[in-house]
Protein backbone atom coordinates (compact mmCIF):
# COMPACT_ATOMS: atom_id res chain seq x y z
CA MET A 1 8.81 1.00 -5.38
CA LYS A 2 11.57 -1.38 -6.39
CA ARG A 3 9.17 -3.23 -8.66
CA LEU A 4 8.19 0.03 -10.35
CA ALA A 5 11.88 0.83 -11.02
CA THR A 6 12.42 -2.55 -12.58
CA GLU A 7 9.44 -2.17 -14.92
CA PHE A 8 10.84 1.04 -16.44
CA ASP A 9 14.28 1.43 -17.84
CA ILE A 10 16.46 4.45 -17.04
CA GLY A 11 15.62 6.14 -20.37
CA THR A 12 11.90 6.14 -19.62
CA LEU A 13 12.47 7.60 -16.17
CA ALA A 14 14.81 10.23 -17.57
CA LEU A 15 12.19 11.20 -20.13
CA ALA A 16 9.49 11.45 -17.47
CA VAL A 17 11.66 13.66 -15.27
CA SER A 18 12.53 15.82 -18.28
CA VAL A 19 8.87 16.36 -19.19
CA ALA A 20 8.00 17.20 -15.61
CA TRP A 21 10.87 19.72 -15.49
CA LEU A 22 9.75 21.30 -18.79
CA LEU A 23 6.22 21.75 -17.52
CA PHE A 24 7.37 23.09 -14.15
CA VAL A 25 9.68 25.72 -15.72
CA GLN A 26 7.02 26.64 -18.28
CA LEU A 27 4.53 27.26 -15.46
CA LEU A 28 7.07 29.45 -13.66
CA ALA A 29 7.80 31.44 -16.86
CA VAL A 30 4.07 31.99 -17.46
CA LEU A 31 3.58 33.11 -13.85
CA ALA A 32 6.54 35.50 -14.11
CA TRP A 33 5.06 36.90 -17.32
CA GLU A 34 1.57 37.23 -15.87
CA THR A 35 2.84 39.02 -12.75
CA GLU A 36 4.94 41.30 -15.00
CA LEU A 37 8.24 40.19 -13.51
CA LEU A 38 9.41 39.37 -17.05
CA THR A 39 8.38 40.51 -20.49
CA ARG A 40 6.96 37.94 -22.88
CA GLN A 41 10.31 37.66 -24.65
CA GLY A 42 12.16 37.38 -21.35
CA ALA A 43 9.84 34.63 -20.13
CA LEU A 44 10.30 32.74 -23.39
CA LEU A 45 14.07 33.09 -23.23
CA HIS A 46 14.18 31.93 -19.61
CA TRP A 47 11.96 28.97 -20.45
CA LEU A 48 14.18 27.98 -23.37
CA VAL A 49 17.45 28.33 -21.45
CA LEU A 50 16.32 26.89 -18.10
CA GLY A 51 13.53 24.59 -19.17
CA VAL A 52 14.43 23.16 -22.54
CA LEU A 53 18.20 23.06 -22.78
CA PRO A 54 19.14 21.13 -19.60
CA PRO A 55 16.83 18.14 -20.21
CA ALA A 56 17.57 18.14 -23.94
CA LEU A 57 21.28 18.06 -23.37
CA ALA A 58 20.98 15.43 -20.66
CA LEU A 59 18.89 13.15 -22.84
CA TRP A 60 21.14 13.75 -25.83
CA GLY A 61 24.17 12.73 -23.77
CA MET A 62 22.65 9.49 -22.58
CA PRO A 63 24.02 6.32 -24.17
CA VAL A 64 21.75 4.44 -26.52
CA PRO A 65 20.72 1.14 -24.87
CA ARG A 66 21.69 -2.01 -26.69
CA ARG A 67 18.85 -4.49 -26.87
């Protein structure tokens, strides 16, 4: 596991976690819409606020690596 962490830099890992989070929240929003817990607009709004904004803001706030 340590070797895997050394092969990828922190930016790559952060991007992978962000994409996984986006897909997970998107799946939850679709399930909530399909089970009629949320309307289509409500599911989209929840996905944007809970799924898109946190990873986007976290990646935006990361320092740019100097190579």
